[in-house]
Amino acid sequence: MYLICLQYILDLHGFYDVNDAIWAVERFIDRFTKETGWHKVLITGRGRNSPNGCVIKPVVIKWLDERGFRHKFTDDWECALEVKRPRKRVCLDIIL
């Protein structure tokens, strides 16, 4: 396993354990939520070299969805996700 984490890119190639991959994503997201720039990319790969097929990508997507992060694939092979800050929820109190 190796971890490549540039300022805006986290490459999850080489992670075979889902828990390790989520740990890395959590650290990456936590670090960049404190920054102002929000154009981040998670490279999940296709799972082509994984004995069980694509395992990490669906778990990462579920993790992002559960926390309200917006994301979209940046390539035709669906190997990389562009991640954006969750939309702010605006609560308006109506006074009658």
N, C-alpha and C. Protein backbone atom coordinates (compact mmCIF):
# COMPACT_ATOMS: atom_id res chain seq x y z
N MET A 1 0.85 -1.17 0.00
CA MET A 1 0.00 0.00 0.00
C MET A 1 0.89 1.23 0.00
N TYR A 2 0.52 2.20 -0.77
CA TYR A 2 1.22 3.48 -0.76
C TYR A 2 0.18 4.58 -0.82
N LEU A 3 0.54 5.73 -0.36
CA LEU A 3 -0.39 6.85 -0.32
C LEU A 3 0.23 8.02 -1.04
N ILE A 4 -0.43 8.46 -2.10
CA ILE A 4 -0.01 9.67 -2.79
C ILE A 4 -1.07 10.72 -2.49
N CYS A 5 -0.67 11.76 -1.84
CA CYS A 5 -1.60 12.82 -1.49
C CYS A 5 -0.97 14.15 -1.82
N LEU A 6 -1.28 14.66 -2.98
CA LEU A 6 -0.82 15.97 -3.36
C LEU A 6 -1.80 16.98 -2.76
N GLN A 7 -1.56 18.22 -2.96
CA GLN A 7 -2.41 19.22 -2.34
C GLN A 7 -3.88 19.05 -2.70
N TYR A 8 -4.16 18.67 -3.93
CA TYR A 8 -5.55 18.59 -4.37
C TYR A 8 -5.97 17.19 -4.81
N ILE A 9 -5.08 16.21 -4.72
CA ILE A 9 -5.37 14.88 -5.24
C ILE A 9 -4.99 13.82 -4.21
N LEU A 10 -5.90 12.88 -3.99
CA LEU A 10 -5.59 11.71 -3.18
C LEU A 10 -5.75 10.49 -4.07
N ASP A 11 -4.68 9.75 -4.24
CA ASP A 11 -4.68 8.55 -5.08
C ASP A 11 -4.81 7.32 -4.18
N LEU A 12 -5.89 6.58 -4.35
CA LEU A 12 -6.16 5.41 -3.53
C LEU A 12 -5.70 4.11 -4.17
N HIS A 13 -4.97 4.17 -5.27
CA HIS A 13 -4.41 2.95 -5.86
C HIS A 13 -3.51 2.28 -4.82
N GLY A 14 -3.60 0.99 -4.73
CA GLY A 14 -2.76 0.25 -3.80
C GLY A 14 -3.43 -0.04 -2.47
N PHE A 15 -4.58 0.56 -2.22
CA PHE A 15 -5.32 0.25 -1.01
C PHE A 15 -6.16 -1.00 -1.28
N TYR A 16 -5.95 -2.03 -0.49
CA TYR A 16 -6.73 -3.25 -0.65
C TYR A 16 -7.72 -3.42 0.48
N ASP A 17 -7.53 -2.66 1.54
CA ASP A 17 -8.43 -2.72 2.67
C ASP A 17 -9.33 -1.47 2.65
N VAL A 18 -10.62 -1.68 2.67
CA VAL A 18 -11.57 -0.58 2.60
C VAL A 18 -11.40 0.36 3.78
N ASN A 19 -11.17 -0.18 4.96
CA ASN A 19 -11.02 0.66 6.15
C ASN A 19 -9.81 1.58 6.04
N ASP A 20 -8.72 1.08 5.48
CA ASP A 20 -7.53 1.93 5.27
C ASP A 20 -7.84 3.04 4.27
N ALA A 21 -8.57 2.71 3.22
CA ALA A 21 -8.92 3.72 2.20
C ALA A 21 -9.81 4.80 2.79
N ILE A 22 -10.81 4.40 3.58
CA ILE A 22 -11.70 5.38 4.20
C ILE A 22 -10.93 6.24 5.20
N TRP A 23 -10.01 5.63 5.94
CA TRP A 23 -9.16 6.39 6.86
C TRP A 23 -8.42 7.49 6.10
N ALA A 24 -7.83 7.14 4.95
CA ALA A 24 -7.09 8.12 4.15
C ALA A 24 -8.02 9.22 3.62
N VAL A 25 -9.21 8.83 3.16
CA VAL A 25 -10.18 9.81 2.65
C VAL A 25 -10.60 10.76 3.78
N GLU A 26 -10.86 10.21 4.96
CA GLU A 26 -11.26 11.05 6.09
C GLU A 26 -10.18 12.09 6.42
N ARG A 27 -8.92 11.66 6.44
CA ARG A 27 -7.83 12.59 6.74
C ARG A 27 -7.70 13.65 5.66
N PHE A 28 -7.82 13.23 4.41
CA PHE A 28 -7.73 14.15 3.28
C PHE A 28 -8.85 15.18 3.32
N ILE A 29 -10.07 14.71 3.51
CA ILE A 29 -11.24 15.60 3.57
C ILE A 29 -11.13 16.53 4.78
N ASP A 30 -10.73 15.99 5.91
CA ASP A 30 -10.59 16.81 7.12
C ASP A 30 -9.58 17.92 6.90
N ARG A 31 -8.49 17.58 6.25
CA ARG A 31 -7.46 18.59 6.00
C ARG A 31 -7.96 19.67 5.05
N PHE A 32 -8.66 19.26 4.00
CA PHE A 32 -9.04 20.29 3.02
C PHE A 32 -10.32 21.02 3.40
N THR A 33 -11.07 20.55 4.40
CA THR A 33 -12.23 21.33 4.83
C THR A 33 -11.79 22.59 5.56
N LYS A 34 -10.57 22.60 6.01
CA LYS A 34 -10.04 23.77 6.70
C LYS A 34 -9.42 24.77 5.72
N GLU A 35 -9.32 24.40 4.47
CA GLU A 35 -8.75 25.27 3.44
C GLU A 35 -9.88 25.98 2.69
N THR A 36 -9.51 26.99 1.94
CA THR A 36 -10.52 27.71 1.17
C THR A 36 -10.74 27.10 -0.20
N GLY A 37 -9.73 26.51 -0.80
CA GLY A 37 -9.88 25.91 -2.12
C GLY A 37 -10.59 24.58 -2.03
N TRP A 38 -11.60 24.39 -2.84
CA TRP A 38 -12.39 23.17 -2.73
C TRP A 38 -12.48 22.40 -4.03
N HIS A 39 -11.46 22.41 -4.82
CA HIS A 39 -11.46 21.59 -6.03
C HIS A 39 -10.50 20.43 -5.74
N LYS A 40 -11.04 19.34 -5.22
CA LYS A 40 -10.23 18.19 -4.82
C LYS A 40 -10.61 16.98 -5.65
N VAL A 41 -9.64 16.08 -5.82
CA VAL A 41 -9.88 14.88 -6.62
C VAL A 41 -9.48 13.65 -5.83
N LEU A 42 -10.36 12.66 -5.81
CA LEU A 42 -10.06 11.35 -5.23
C LEU A 42 -9.95 10.37 -6.39
N ILE A 43 -8.80 9.73 -6.51
CA ILE A 43 -8.62 8.71 -7.55
C ILE A 43 -8.88 7.36 -6.90
N THR A 44 -9.95 6.72 -7.34
CA THR A 44 -10.34 5.44 -6.75
C THR A 44 -9.91 4.26 -7.61
N GLY A 45 -9.69 4.50 -8.88
CA GLY A 45 -9.39 3.40 -9.79
C GLY A 45 -10.66 2.65 -10.17
N ARG A 46 -10.47 1.63 -10.99
CA ARG A 46 -11.61 0.84 -11.46
C ARG A 46 -11.75 -0.49 -10.74
N GLY A 47 -10.75 -0.84 -9.93
CA GLY A 47 -10.77 -2.14 -9.27
C GLY A 47 -10.34 -3.27 -10.18
N ARG A 48 -9.71 -2.93 -11.28
CA ARG A 48 -9.31 -3.93 -12.27
C ARG A 48 -8.30 -4.94 -11.72
N ASN A 49 -7.42 -4.50 -10.84
CA ASN A 49 -6.40 -5.39 -10.29
C ASN A 49 -6.79 -5.99 -8.95
N SER A 50 -8.01 -5.73 -8.54
CA SER A 50 -8.50 -6.22 -7.25
C SER A 50 -9.12 -7.60 -7.45
N PRO A 51 -8.80 -8.55 -6.58
CA PRO A 51 -9.37 -9.90 -6.75
C PRO A 51 -10.89 -9.92 -6.62
N ASN A 52 -11.45 -8.98 -5.87
CA ASN A 52 -12.91 -8.93 -5.67
C ASN A 52 -13.58 -7.86 -6.53
N GLY A 53 -12.86 -7.34 -7.52
CA GLY A 53 -13.42 -6.29 -8.36
C GLY A 53 -13.41 -4.95 -7.65
N CYS A 54 -14.24 -4.06 -8.11
CA CYS A 54 -14.29 -2.70 -7.58
C CYS A 54 -14.95 -2.72 -6.20
N VAL A 55 -14.16 -2.47 -5.17
CA VAL A 55 -14.66 -2.49 -3.80
C VAL A 55 -14.58 -1.11 -3.15
N ILE A 56 -13.48 -0.43 -3.35
CA ILE A 56 -13.24 0.84 -2.66
C ILE A 56 -14.12 1.96 -3.20
N LYS A 57 -14.28 2.03 -4.52
CA LYS A 57 -15.04 3.13 -5.12
C LYS A 57 -16.46 3.26 -4.55
N PRO A 58 -17.25 2.18 -4.50
CA PRO A 58 -18.61 2.34 -3.98
C PRO A 58 -18.65 2.75 -2.50
N VAL A 59 -17.67 2.29 -1.73
CA VAL A 59 -17.63 2.64 -0.31
C VAL A 59 -17.28 4.12 -0.14
N VAL A 60 -16.34 4.60 -0.95
CA VAL A 60 -15.96 6.02 -0.90
C VAL A 60 -17.14 6.89 -1.32
N ILE A 61 -17.84 6.51 -2.37
CA ILE A 61 -19.00 7.27 -2.83
C ILE A 61 -20.08 7.31 -1.75
N LYS A 62 -20.33 6.17 -1.11
CA LYS A 62 -21.32 6.12 -0.03
C LYS A 62 -20.89 7.03 1.11
N TRP A 63 -19.61 7.00 1.47
CA TRP A 63 -19.09 7.84 2.55
C TRP A 63 -19.30 9.32 2.23
N LEU A 64 -19.00 9.72 0.99
CA LEU A 64 -19.19 11.11 0.57
C LEU A 64 -20.67 11.50 0.60
N ASP A 65 -21.52 10.62 0.09
CA ASP A 65 -22.96 10.89 0.05
C ASP A 65 -23.53 11.06 1.46
N GLU A 66 -23.12 10.20 2.38
CA GLU A 66 -23.64 10.25 3.74
C GLU A 66 -23.27 11.56 4.45
N ARG A 67 -22.20 12.19 4.00
CA ARG A 67 -21.74 13.43 4.61
C ARG A 67 -22.09 14.66 3.80
N GLY A 68 -22.83 14.46 2.72
CA GLY A 68 -23.33 15.59 1.95
C GLY A 68 -22.35 16.20 0.96
N PHE A 69 -21.21 15.55 0.72
CA PHE A 69 -20.26 16.10 -0.24
C PHE A 69 -20.77 15.89 -1.65
N ARG A 70 -20.61 16.91 -2.47
CA ARG A 70 -20.97 16.80 -3.89
C ARG A 70 -19.79 16.20 -4.62
N HIS A 71 -20.06 15.35 -5.59
CA HIS A 71 -18.98 14.72 -6.34
C HIS A 71 -19.46 14.32 -7.73
N LYS A 72 -18.51 14.23 -8.63
CA LYS A 72 -18.81 13.74 -9.98
C LYS A 72 -17.54 13.13 -10.54
N PHE A 73 -17.73 12.19 -11.47
CA PHE A 73 -16.57 11.58 -12.11
C PHE A 73 -15.95 12.56 -13.08
N THR A 74 -14.63 12.55 -13.14
CA THR A 74 -13.92 13.49 -14.00
C THR A 74 -13.42 12.83 -15.28
N ASP A 75 -13.67 11.54 -15.44
CA ASP A 75 -13.15 10.83 -16.61
C ASP A 75 -14.18 9.82 -17.10
N ASP A 76 -13.97 9.32 -18.32
CA ASP A 76 -14.90 8.37 -18.92
C ASP A 76 -14.86 7.00 -18.25
N TRP A 77 -13.75 6.68 -17.59
CA TRP A 77 -13.59 5.36 -16.97
C TRP A 77 -14.10 5.34 -15.54
N GLU A 78 -14.55 6.49 -15.06
CA GLU A 78 -15.06 6.63 -13.70
C GLU A 78 -14.06 6.15 -12.67
N CYS A 79 -12.84 6.66 -12.81
CA CYS A 79 -11.75 6.31 -11.88
C CYS A 79 -11.43 7.44 -10.92
N ALA A 80 -11.86 8.64 -11.22
CA ALA A 80 -11.51 9.80 -10.40
C ALA A 80 -12.76 10.62 -10.11
N LEU A 81 -12.87 11.04 -8.86
CA LEU A 81 -14.01 11.83 -8.42
C LEU A 81 -13.56 13.23 -8.06
N GLU A 82 -14.22 14.21 -8.63
CA GLU A 82 -14.03 15.59 -8.19
C GLU A 82 -14.97 15.80 -7.01
N VAL A 83 -14.43 16.26 -5.90
CA VAL A 83 -15.21 16.43 -4.68
C VAL A 83 -15.34 17.91 -4.37
N LYS A 84 -16.54 18.31 -4.03
CA LYS A 84 -16.80 19.71 -3.68
C LYS A 84 -17.46 19.77 -2.30
N ARG A 85 -17.32 20.92 -1.71
CA ARG A 85 -17.88 21.20 -0.39
C ARG A 85 -19.39 20.97 -0.41
N PRO A 86 -19.92 20.45 0.70
CA PRO A 86 -21.38 20.30 0.77
C PRO A 86 -22.07 21.66 0.64
N ARG A 87 -23.23 21.65 0.04
CA ARG A 87 -23.99 22.89 -0.04
C ARG A 87 -24.43 23.28 1.35
N LYS A 88 -24.38 24.55 1.61
CA LYS A 88 -24.83 25.03 2.91
C LYS A 88 -26.35 24.96 2.96
N ARG A 89 -26.83 24.45 4.05
CA ARG A 89 -28.26 24.40 4.24
C ARG A 89 -28.69 25.66 4.95
N VAL A 90 -29.66 26.31 4.40
CA VAL A 90 -30.15 27.56 4.97
C VAL A 90 -31.47 27.29 5.67
N CYS A 91 -31.51 27.60 6.94
CA CYS A 91 -32.74 27.44 7.70
C CYS A 91 -33.36 28.81 7.91
N LEU A 92 -34.57 28.97 7.51
CA LEU A 92 -35.26 30.23 7.68
C LEU A 92 -36.40 30.05 8.67
N ASP A 93 -36.39 30.83 9.71
CA ASP A 93 -37.47 30.79 10.66
C ASP A 93 -38.54 31.77 10.19
N ILE A 94 -39.74 31.31 10.11
CA ILE A 94 -40.84 32.18 9.69
C ILE A 94 -41.57 32.63 10.95
N ILE A 95 -41.62 33.91 11.10
CA ILE A 95 -42.29 34.49 12.26
C ILE A 95 -43.70 34.89 11.85
N LEU A 96 -44.68 34.36 12.51
CA LEU A 96 -46.06 34.69 12.20
C LEU A 96 -46.60 35.70 13.19
